[in-house]
N, C-alpha and C. Protein backbone atom coordinates (compact mmCIF):
# COMPACT_ATOMS: atom_id res chain seq x y z
N UNK A 1 29.93 6.76 -20.68
CA UNK A 1 28.62 6.61 -21.28
C UNK A 1 27.83 7.89 -21.04
N UNK A 2 27.17 8.38 -22.05
CA UNK A 2 26.36 9.58 -21.95
C UNK A 2 24.99 9.23 -21.39
N UNK A 3 24.56 10.02 -20.41
CA UNK A 3 23.24 9.77 -19.84
C UNK A 3 22.16 10.27 -20.79
N UNK A 4 21.02 9.59 -20.72
CA UNK A 4 19.87 9.93 -21.57
C UNK A 4 18.81 10.61 -20.72
N UNK A 5 17.96 11.39 -21.36
CA UNK A 5 16.89 12.09 -20.67
C UNK A 5 15.58 11.30 -20.82
N UNK A 6 14.99 10.94 -19.67
CA UNK A 6 13.72 10.22 -19.63
C UNK A 6 12.66 11.11 -19.00
N UNK A 7 11.42 10.91 -19.39
CA UNK A 7 10.29 11.59 -18.79
C UNK A 7 9.55 10.59 -17.91
N UNK A 8 9.23 10.99 -16.69
CA UNK A 8 8.44 10.15 -15.79
C UNK A 8 7.16 10.89 -15.46
N UNK A 9 6.02 10.17 -15.51
CA UNK A 9 4.75 10.80 -15.17
C UNK A 9 3.89 9.84 -14.37
N UNK A 10 3.11 10.42 -13.46
CA UNK A 10 2.18 9.67 -12.62
C UNK A 10 0.78 9.93 -13.15
N UNK A 11 0.04 8.86 -13.39
CA UNK A 11 -1.35 8.96 -13.86
C UNK A 11 -1.49 9.92 -15.04
N UNK A 12 -0.64 9.71 -16.05
CA UNK A 12 -0.71 10.51 -17.27
C UNK A 12 -0.33 11.95 -17.07
N UNK A 13 0.42 12.26 -16.04
CA UNK A 13 0.84 13.63 -15.76
C UNK A 13 -0.07 14.33 -14.76
N UNK A 14 -1.25 13.78 -14.49
CA UNK A 14 -2.16 14.41 -13.52
C UNK A 14 -1.63 14.34 -12.10
N UNK A 15 -0.76 13.37 -11.82
CA UNK A 15 -0.19 13.24 -10.48
C UNK A 15 1.21 13.81 -10.39
N UNK A 16 1.69 14.40 -11.47
CA UNK A 16 3.02 15.01 -11.49
C UNK A 16 3.89 14.37 -12.55
N UNK A 17 4.94 15.09 -12.92
CA UNK A 17 5.92 14.56 -13.87
C UNK A 17 7.28 15.18 -13.58
N UNK A 18 8.31 14.52 -14.07
CA UNK A 18 9.68 14.98 -13.85
C UNK A 18 10.57 14.43 -14.95
N UNK A 19 11.72 15.09 -15.16
CA UNK A 19 12.74 14.60 -16.09
C UNK A 19 13.80 13.87 -15.29
N UNK A 20 14.30 12.78 -15.87
CA UNK A 20 15.30 11.95 -15.20
C UNK A 20 16.48 11.74 -16.14
N UNK A 21 17.68 11.98 -15.64
CA UNK A 21 18.91 11.67 -16.38
C UNK A 21 19.39 10.31 -15.90
N UNK A 22 19.51 9.36 -16.82
CA UNK A 22 19.93 8.00 -16.44
C UNK A 22 20.67 7.34 -17.60
N UNK A 23 21.41 6.29 -17.28
CA UNK A 23 22.17 5.55 -18.30
C UNK A 23 21.26 4.66 -19.14
N UNK A 24 20.20 4.15 -18.52
CA UNK A 24 19.31 3.23 -19.24
C UNK A 24 17.90 3.28 -18.64
N UNK A 25 16.99 2.60 -19.29
CA UNK A 25 15.59 2.61 -18.87
C UNK A 25 15.41 2.00 -17.49
N UNK A 26 16.12 0.93 -17.19
CA UNK A 26 16.00 0.28 -15.88
C UNK A 26 16.39 1.24 -14.76
N UNK A 27 17.48 1.95 -14.93
CA UNK A 27 17.93 2.91 -13.93
C UNK A 27 16.92 4.06 -13.80
N UNK A 28 16.38 4.52 -14.92
CA UNK A 28 15.38 5.59 -14.89
C UNK A 28 14.12 5.13 -14.17
N UNK A 29 13.72 3.88 -14.42
CA UNK A 29 12.52 3.33 -13.77
C UNK A 29 12.71 3.29 -12.25
N UNK A 30 13.83 2.80 -11.79
CA UNK A 30 14.09 2.70 -10.35
C UNK A 30 14.05 4.09 -9.69
N UNK A 31 14.64 5.08 -10.36
CA UNK A 31 14.62 6.44 -9.83
C UNK A 31 13.18 6.97 -9.81
N UNK A 32 12.42 6.70 -10.86
CA UNK A 32 11.04 7.19 -10.97
C UNK A 32 10.16 6.59 -9.88
N UNK A 33 10.33 5.31 -9.58
CA UNK A 33 9.54 4.67 -8.52
C UNK A 33 9.84 5.34 -7.18
N UNK A 34 11.12 5.56 -6.89
CA UNK A 34 11.50 6.22 -5.63
C UNK A 34 10.92 7.64 -5.58
N UNK A 35 10.99 8.37 -6.70
CA UNK A 35 10.43 9.72 -6.78
C UNK A 35 8.92 9.70 -6.53
N UNK A 36 8.22 8.78 -7.16
CA UNK A 36 6.77 8.70 -7.04
C UNK A 36 6.34 8.39 -5.62
N UNK A 37 7.05 7.50 -4.95
CA UNK A 37 6.67 7.10 -3.59
C UNK A 37 6.84 8.23 -2.58
N UNK A 38 7.66 9.23 -2.91
CA UNK A 38 7.87 10.36 -1.99
C UNK A 38 6.79 11.42 -2.12
N UNK A 39 5.82 11.22 -2.99
CA UNK A 39 4.76 12.20 -3.20
C UNK A 39 3.82 12.34 -2.02
N UNK A 40 2.89 13.24 -2.13
CA UNK A 40 1.89 13.49 -1.10
C UNK A 40 0.67 12.62 -1.40
N UNK A 41 0.59 11.46 -0.73
CA UNK A 41 -0.45 10.48 -1.02
C UNK A 41 -1.38 10.32 0.17
N UNK A 42 -2.57 9.76 -0.05
CA UNK A 42 -3.49 9.54 1.08
C UNK A 42 -2.88 8.60 2.11
N UNK A 43 -3.24 8.81 3.37
CA UNK A 43 -2.70 7.97 4.45
C UNK A 43 -3.00 6.50 4.24
N UNK A 44 -4.15 6.18 3.61
CA UNK A 44 -4.51 4.78 3.44
C UNK A 44 -3.89 4.16 2.19
N UNK A 45 -2.93 4.87 1.57
CA UNK A 45 -2.22 4.32 0.42
C UNK A 45 -3.07 4.35 -0.84
N UNK A 46 -2.47 3.95 -1.93
CA UNK A 46 -3.19 3.90 -3.20
C UNK A 46 -2.33 3.15 -4.21
N UNK A 47 -2.85 3.02 -5.39
CA UNK A 47 -2.15 2.39 -6.49
C UNK A 47 -2.10 3.42 -7.61
N UNK A 48 -0.90 3.77 -8.06
CA UNK A 48 -0.74 4.78 -9.10
C UNK A 48 -0.19 4.14 -10.37
N UNK A 49 -0.43 4.79 -11.48
CA UNK A 49 0.16 4.34 -12.74
C UNK A 49 1.36 5.22 -13.03
N UNK A 50 2.51 4.60 -13.17
CA UNK A 50 3.76 5.32 -13.43
C UNK A 50 4.24 4.98 -14.83
N UNK A 51 4.65 6.00 -15.57
CA UNK A 51 5.14 5.83 -16.93
C UNK A 51 6.49 6.50 -17.05
N UNK A 52 7.46 5.80 -17.63
CA UNK A 52 8.79 6.35 -17.90
C UNK A 52 9.07 6.12 -19.38
N UNK A 53 9.46 7.20 -20.08
CA UNK A 53 9.73 7.06 -21.52
C UNK A 53 10.86 7.97 -21.95
N UNK A 54 11.44 7.64 -23.09
CA UNK A 54 12.47 8.47 -23.73
C UNK A 54 12.04 8.67 -25.17
N UNK A 55 12.08 9.91 -25.61
CA UNK A 55 11.63 10.25 -26.97
C UNK A 55 12.78 10.83 -27.78
N UNK A 56 12.64 10.71 -29.10
CA UNK A 56 13.61 11.35 -29.98
C UNK A 56 13.20 12.80 -30.23
N UNK A 57 13.95 13.51 -31.04
CA UNK A 57 13.68 14.92 -31.33
C UNK A 57 12.33 15.17 -31.96
N UNK A 58 11.75 14.16 -32.63
CA UNK A 58 10.44 14.31 -33.26
C UNK A 58 9.29 13.90 -32.33
N UNK A 59 9.60 13.51 -31.12
CA UNK A 59 8.57 13.12 -30.18
C UNK A 59 8.19 11.65 -30.24
N UNK A 60 8.87 10.89 -31.08
CA UNK A 60 8.59 9.45 -31.17
C UNK A 60 9.19 8.72 -29.97
N UNK A 61 8.43 7.78 -29.42
CA UNK A 61 8.90 7.02 -28.25
C UNK A 61 9.98 6.03 -28.69
N UNK A 62 11.14 6.12 -28.03
CA UNK A 62 12.24 5.19 -28.28
C UNK A 62 12.23 4.04 -27.27
N UNK A 63 11.96 4.37 -26.03
CA UNK A 63 11.90 3.38 -24.95
C UNK A 63 10.75 3.78 -24.02
N UNK A 64 10.08 2.77 -23.47
CA UNK A 64 8.99 3.09 -22.55
C UNK A 64 8.75 1.93 -21.60
N UNK A 65 8.41 2.29 -20.38
CA UNK A 65 8.05 1.31 -19.34
C UNK A 65 6.91 1.92 -18.54
N UNK A 66 5.89 1.15 -18.23
CA UNK A 66 4.84 1.62 -17.34
C UNK A 66 4.32 0.46 -16.54
N UNK A 67 3.82 0.79 -15.35
CA UNK A 67 3.25 -0.23 -14.49
C UNK A 67 2.52 0.48 -13.36
N UNK A 68 1.79 -0.29 -12.58
CA UNK A 68 1.15 0.25 -11.39
C UNK A 68 2.13 0.13 -10.24
N UNK A 69 2.20 1.15 -9.41
CA UNK A 69 3.10 1.19 -8.26
C UNK A 69 2.23 1.36 -7.02
N UNK A 70 2.45 0.51 -6.03
CA UNK A 70 1.67 0.59 -4.80
C UNK A 70 2.29 1.60 -3.85
N UNK A 71 1.47 2.53 -3.38
CA UNK A 71 1.87 3.44 -2.32
C UNK A 71 1.35 2.83 -1.03
N UNK A 72 2.27 2.41 -0.19
CA UNK A 72 1.93 1.66 1.02
C UNK A 72 1.25 2.59 2.04
N UNK A 73 0.21 2.10 2.72
CA UNK A 73 -0.47 2.93 3.73
C UNK A 73 0.48 3.37 4.84
N UNK A 74 0.26 4.54 5.37
CA UNK A 74 1.00 5.06 6.51
C UNK A 74 0.29 4.57 7.77
N UNK A 75 0.74 3.45 8.31
CA UNK A 75 0.04 2.84 9.44
C UNK A 75 0.00 3.75 10.66
N UNK A 76 1.05 4.54 10.87
CA UNK A 76 1.04 5.45 12.02
C UNK A 76 -0.10 6.46 11.91
N UNK A 77 -0.35 6.96 10.71
CA UNK A 77 -1.43 7.93 10.52
C UNK A 77 -2.80 7.28 10.67
N UNK A 78 -2.92 6.00 10.35
CA UNK A 78 -4.19 5.30 10.44
C UNK A 78 -4.47 4.73 11.82
N UNK A 79 -3.43 4.64 12.63
CA UNK A 79 -3.51 3.95 13.92
C UNK A 79 -3.67 4.95 15.06
N UNK A 80 -4.84 4.97 15.68
CA UNK A 80 -5.09 5.92 16.75
C UNK A 80 -4.19 5.70 17.96
N UNK A 81 -3.58 4.53 18.08
CA UNK A 81 -2.71 4.23 19.21
C UNK A 81 -1.23 4.20 18.83
N UNK A 82 -0.88 4.81 17.70
CA UNK A 82 0.51 4.72 17.24
C UNK A 82 1.49 5.30 18.25
N UNK A 83 1.11 6.35 18.99
CA UNK A 83 2.02 6.90 19.99
C UNK A 83 2.29 5.90 21.10
N UNK A 84 1.28 5.13 21.51
CA UNK A 84 1.47 4.10 22.52
C UNK A 84 2.42 3.02 22.01
N UNK A 85 2.26 2.66 20.74
CA UNK A 85 3.12 1.61 20.17
C UNK A 85 4.57 2.08 20.10
N UNK A 86 4.79 3.33 19.74
CA UNK A 86 6.16 3.84 19.66
C UNK A 86 6.82 3.79 21.02
N UNK A 87 6.05 4.10 22.05
CA UNK A 87 6.59 4.08 23.40
C UNK A 87 6.98 2.65 23.80
N UNK A 88 6.25 1.67 23.29
CA UNK A 88 6.51 0.28 23.65
C UNK A 88 7.36 -0.45 22.61
N UNK A 89 7.93 0.29 21.63
CA UNK A 89 8.70 -0.31 20.54
C UNK A 89 7.89 -1.39 19.82
N UNK A 90 6.62 -1.13 19.61
CA UNK A 90 5.73 -2.09 18.96
C UNK A 90 5.69 -1.88 17.45
N UNK A 91 5.79 -2.94 16.72
CA UNK A 91 5.54 -2.92 15.28
C UNK A 91 4.44 -3.93 15.02
N UNK A 92 3.44 -3.53 14.22
CA UNK A 92 2.36 -4.46 13.92
C UNK A 92 2.91 -5.68 13.20
N UNK A 93 2.56 -6.85 13.69
CA UNK A 93 2.88 -8.12 13.04
C UNK A 93 1.53 -8.71 12.64
N UNK A 94 1.11 -8.43 11.41
CA UNK A 94 -0.23 -8.80 10.96
C UNK A 94 -0.31 -10.28 10.66
N UNK A 95 -1.35 -10.93 11.20
CA UNK A 95 -1.62 -12.35 10.98
C UNK A 95 -3.08 -12.49 10.58
N UNK A 96 -3.40 -13.62 9.97
CA UNK A 96 -4.79 -13.89 9.58
C UNK A 96 -5.19 -15.29 10.04
N UNK A 97 -5.29 -15.51 11.37
CA UNK A 97 -5.72 -16.83 11.85
C UNK A 97 -7.19 -17.06 11.50
N UNK A 98 -7.46 -18.19 10.92
CA UNK A 98 -8.80 -18.51 10.45
C UNK A 98 -9.83 -18.43 11.57
N UNK A 99 -9.46 -18.85 12.78
CA UNK A 99 -10.41 -18.86 13.89
C UNK A 99 -10.89 -17.46 14.27
N UNK A 100 -10.17 -16.43 13.86
CA UNK A 100 -10.54 -15.06 14.21
C UNK A 100 -11.09 -14.30 13.00
N UNK A 101 -10.40 -14.36 11.87
CA UNK A 101 -10.81 -13.54 10.71
C UNK A 101 -11.77 -14.26 9.78
N UNK A 102 -11.93 -15.57 9.94
CA UNK A 102 -12.89 -16.31 9.11
C UNK A 102 -12.42 -16.51 7.68
N UNK A 103 -13.37 -16.69 6.78
CA UNK A 103 -13.03 -16.98 5.39
C UNK A 103 -12.86 -18.48 5.21
N UNK A 104 -12.22 -18.85 4.13
CA UNK A 104 -11.94 -20.27 3.91
C UNK A 104 -10.56 -20.60 4.48
N UNK A 105 -10.37 -21.82 4.89
CA UNK A 105 -9.11 -22.19 5.54
C UNK A 105 -7.89 -22.00 4.63
N UNK A 106 -8.08 -22.18 3.33
CA UNK A 106 -6.96 -22.04 2.40
C UNK A 106 -6.53 -20.58 2.20
N UNK A 107 -7.42 -19.64 2.52
CA UNK A 107 -7.12 -18.22 2.35
C UNK A 107 -7.88 -17.42 3.41
N UNK A 108 -7.50 -17.58 4.69
CA UNK A 108 -8.25 -16.92 5.75
C UNK A 108 -8.19 -15.40 5.64
N UNK A 109 -9.30 -14.77 5.99
CA UNK A 109 -9.36 -13.32 6.00
C UNK A 109 -9.60 -12.67 4.66
N UNK A 110 -9.78 -13.46 3.62
CA UNK A 110 -10.02 -12.93 2.27
C UNK A 110 -11.49 -13.12 1.93
N UNK A 111 -12.13 -12.01 1.51
CA UNK A 111 -13.54 -12.03 1.20
C UNK A 111 -13.77 -11.42 -0.17
N UNK A 112 -14.55 -12.10 -1.01
CA UNK A 112 -14.90 -11.58 -2.33
C UNK A 112 -16.27 -10.94 -2.26
N UNK A 113 -16.41 -9.80 -2.94
CA UNK A 113 -17.68 -9.08 -2.97
C UNK A 113 -18.29 -9.09 -4.37
N UNK A 114 -17.83 -10.00 -5.22
CA UNK A 114 -18.31 -10.04 -6.59
C UNK A 114 -17.41 -9.22 -7.49
N UNK A 115 -17.38 -9.57 -8.76
CA UNK A 115 -16.47 -8.87 -9.67
C UNK A 115 -15.04 -9.10 -9.22
N UNK A 116 -14.26 -8.05 -9.17
CA UNK A 116 -12.87 -8.17 -8.75
C UNK A 116 -12.63 -7.58 -7.36
N UNK A 117 -13.69 -7.12 -6.68
CA UNK A 117 -13.54 -6.47 -5.38
C UNK A 117 -13.28 -7.51 -4.30
N UNK A 118 -12.22 -7.25 -3.51
CA UNK A 118 -11.82 -8.15 -2.44
C UNK A 118 -11.59 -7.35 -1.16
N UNK A 119 -11.80 -8.01 -0.03
CA UNK A 119 -11.45 -7.46 1.27
C UNK A 119 -10.53 -8.45 1.96
N UNK A 120 -9.46 -7.93 2.56
CA UNK A 120 -8.53 -8.75 3.32
C UNK A 120 -8.54 -8.25 4.76
N UNK A 121 -8.69 -9.18 5.70
CA UNK A 121 -8.69 -8.82 7.11
C UNK A 121 -7.54 -9.53 7.81
N UNK A 122 -6.88 -8.79 8.72
CA UNK A 122 -5.81 -9.38 9.50
C UNK A 122 -5.82 -8.73 10.88
N UNK A 123 -5.16 -9.36 11.83
CA UNK A 123 -5.15 -8.88 13.21
C UNK A 123 -3.72 -8.86 13.74
N UNK A 124 -3.54 -8.10 14.81
CA UNK A 124 -2.25 -8.01 15.49
C UNK A 124 -2.49 -8.26 16.97
N UNK A 125 -1.51 -8.75 17.68
CA UNK A 125 -1.71 -9.10 19.08
C UNK A 125 -1.99 -7.90 19.98
N UNK A 126 -1.79 -6.67 19.48
CA UNK A 126 -2.06 -5.48 20.29
C UNK A 126 -3.54 -5.14 20.31
N UNK A 127 -4.35 -5.81 19.51
CA UNK A 127 -5.77 -5.53 19.47
C UNK A 127 -6.22 -4.89 18.17
N UNK A 128 -5.28 -4.60 17.29
CA UNK A 128 -5.61 -3.93 16.03
C UNK A 128 -6.16 -4.92 15.01
N UNK A 129 -7.10 -4.43 14.21
CA UNK A 129 -7.61 -5.17 13.05
C UNK A 129 -7.37 -4.30 11.83
N UNK A 130 -6.84 -4.89 10.78
CA UNK A 130 -6.60 -4.16 9.54
C UNK A 130 -7.56 -4.70 8.49
N UNK A 131 -8.26 -3.78 7.82
CA UNK A 131 -9.18 -4.11 6.74
C UNK A 131 -8.64 -3.45 5.48
N UNK A 132 -8.41 -4.24 4.44
CA UNK A 132 -7.94 -3.69 3.17
C UNK A 132 -8.95 -4.05 2.10
N UNK A 133 -9.53 -3.03 1.49
CA UNK A 133 -10.51 -3.22 0.42
C UNK A 133 -9.87 -2.82 -0.90
N UNK A 134 -9.94 -3.71 -1.88
CA UNK A 134 -9.41 -3.44 -3.22
C UNK A 134 -10.54 -3.55 -4.23
N UNK A 135 -10.59 -2.61 -5.13
CA UNK A 135 -11.55 -2.67 -6.22
C UNK A 135 -10.87 -2.17 -7.49
N UNK A 136 -10.22 -3.06 -8.24
CA UNK A 136 -9.48 -2.63 -9.43
C UNK A 136 -10.37 -2.10 -10.55
N UNK A 137 -11.67 -2.27 -10.44
CA UNK A 137 -12.55 -1.75 -11.48
C UNK A 137 -12.90 -0.28 -11.24
N UNK A 138 -12.59 0.22 -10.05
CA UNK A 138 -12.86 1.63 -9.75
C UNK A 138 -11.55 2.39 -9.78
N UNK A 139 -11.51 3.45 -10.53
CA UNK A 139 -10.30 4.25 -10.68
C UNK A 139 -10.62 5.67 -10.25
N UNK A 140 -9.83 6.20 -9.36
CA UNK A 140 -10.05 7.56 -8.88
C UNK A 140 -8.91 8.45 -9.37
N UNK A 141 -9.25 9.54 -10.02
CA UNK A 141 -8.23 10.46 -10.48
C UNK A 141 -7.43 10.96 -9.29
N UNK A 142 -6.14 11.06 -9.39
CA UNK A 142 -5.18 11.49 -8.38
C UNK A 142 -4.91 10.44 -7.31
N UNK A 143 -5.75 9.39 -7.21
CA UNK A 143 -5.47 8.36 -6.22
C UNK A 143 -5.28 7.00 -6.86
N UNK A 144 -5.44 6.89 -8.14
CA UNK A 144 -5.24 5.62 -8.81
C UNK A 144 -6.36 4.63 -8.53
N UNK A 145 -6.06 3.35 -8.66
CA UNK A 145 -7.05 2.32 -8.42
C UNK A 145 -7.49 2.37 -6.96
N UNK A 146 -8.77 2.11 -6.73
CA UNK A 146 -9.30 2.24 -5.39
C UNK A 146 -8.76 1.17 -4.46
N UNK A 147 -8.19 1.62 -3.38
CA UNK A 147 -7.71 0.75 -2.31
C UNK A 147 -7.94 1.50 -1.02
N UNK A 148 -8.65 0.91 -0.12
CA UNK A 148 -8.94 1.57 1.15
C UNK A 148 -8.43 0.68 2.26
N UNK A 149 -7.56 1.22 3.10
CA UNK A 149 -7.04 0.49 4.26
C UNK A 149 -7.51 1.19 5.52
N UNK A 150 -7.99 0.40 6.47
CA UNK A 150 -8.49 0.94 7.73
C UNK A 150 -7.91 0.09 8.86
N UNK A 151 -7.45 0.75 9.91
CA UNK A 151 -6.99 0.06 11.11
C UNK A 151 -7.87 0.51 12.25
N UNK A 152 -8.45 -0.43 12.97
CA UNK A 152 -9.27 -0.06 14.12
C UNK A 152 -9.03 -1.03 15.27
N UNK A 153 -9.59 -0.69 16.42
CA UNK A 153 -9.42 -1.46 17.64
C UNK A 153 -10.80 -1.75 18.22
N UNK A 154 -11.51 -2.74 17.68
CA UNK A 154 -12.87 -2.99 18.17
C UNK A 154 -12.92 -3.39 19.64
N UNK A 155 -11.87 -3.99 20.17
CA UNK A 155 -11.83 -4.40 21.57
C UNK A 155 -10.93 -3.51 22.40
N UNK A 156 -10.46 -2.38 21.84
CA UNK A 156 -9.53 -1.50 22.54
C UNK A 156 -8.11 -2.02 22.42
N UNK A 157 -7.19 -1.25 22.94
CA UNK A 157 -5.77 -1.62 22.91
C UNK A 157 -5.50 -2.62 24.03
N UNK A 158 -4.97 -3.77 23.68
CA UNK A 158 -4.66 -4.77 24.70
C UNK A 158 -3.38 -4.37 25.44
N UNK A 159 -3.40 -4.38 26.76
CA UNK A 159 -2.18 -4.07 27.51
C UNK A 159 -1.15 -5.18 27.31
N UNK A 160 0.11 -4.79 27.29
CA UNK A 160 1.16 -5.78 27.04
C UNK A 160 1.27 -6.82 28.13
N UNK A 161 0.82 -6.51 29.35
CA UNK A 161 0.91 -7.48 30.43
C UNK A 161 -0.09 -8.61 30.29
N UNK A 162 -1.09 -8.43 29.44
CA UNK A 162 -2.12 -9.45 29.28
C UNK A 162 -1.59 -10.58 28.40
N UNK A 163 -1.85 -11.82 28.81
CA UNK A 163 -1.39 -12.97 28.06
C UNK A 163 -2.39 -13.30 26.95
N UNK A 164 -2.12 -12.81 25.74
CA UNK A 164 -3.03 -13.07 24.64
C UNK A 164 -2.23 -13.25 23.36
N UNK A 165 -2.79 -14.00 22.44
CA UNK A 165 -2.14 -14.18 21.15
C UNK A 165 -2.65 -13.15 20.15
N UNK A 166 -3.96 -13.08 19.99
CA UNK A 166 -4.58 -12.18 19.04
C UNK A 166 -5.89 -11.68 19.60
N UNK A 167 -6.38 -10.53 19.10
CA UNK A 167 -7.66 -10.03 19.58
C UNK A 167 -8.76 -11.07 19.37
N UNK A 168 -9.61 -11.19 20.34
CA UNK A 168 -10.73 -12.12 20.22
C UNK A 168 -10.37 -13.54 20.63
N UNK A 169 -9.11 -13.80 20.89
CA UNK A 169 -8.69 -15.15 21.30
C UNK A 169 -7.73 -15.02 22.47
N UNK A 170 -8.28 -14.93 23.64
CA UNK A 170 -7.47 -14.76 24.84
C UNK A 170 -7.24 -16.10 25.51
N UNK A 171 -6.03 -16.26 26.02
CA UNK A 171 -5.72 -17.50 26.76
C UNK A 171 -6.31 -17.40 28.15
N UNK A 172 -7.06 -18.39 28.54
CA UNK A 172 -7.65 -18.42 29.87
C UNK A 172 -6.69 -19.12 30.83
N UNK A 173 -6.44 -18.52 31.97
CA UNK A 173 -5.54 -19.11 32.97
C UNK A 173 -6.30 -19.88 34.00
């Protein structure tokens, strides 16, 4: 089977573009997603628009696929205590217990700010709190749809010897 030439572009070419040799559109899409995720993105992640297409000699589109692709936040870059966690083989296990993050019981930690803007809050037993703000109505050139992720330690880093489940909810002995 002869491979076809596809064009892949991020945010209409403003975020970069590349040519892909693939057998079909599905294979080209998978390669394009992997290529896009390896880009130089903000530490707090973002949402980009990826387009993959194949054109004929006259420039007419023969096949096309586009969608939004999430660039996952780099938690190590956002986490001021990431070196301590690496030393302790710690990986954040994010939870949203209603008693700590609030919200409604059916969807704890989720807050609406009107329109389509949402905030999600979660916690980890090490003392970290993660705040994720999404606003699909705001679009930033080169960063895609607005998404801001922040990790902080309002109570400091909990030592591993302390018997606790989550920040703000310590077991009393």
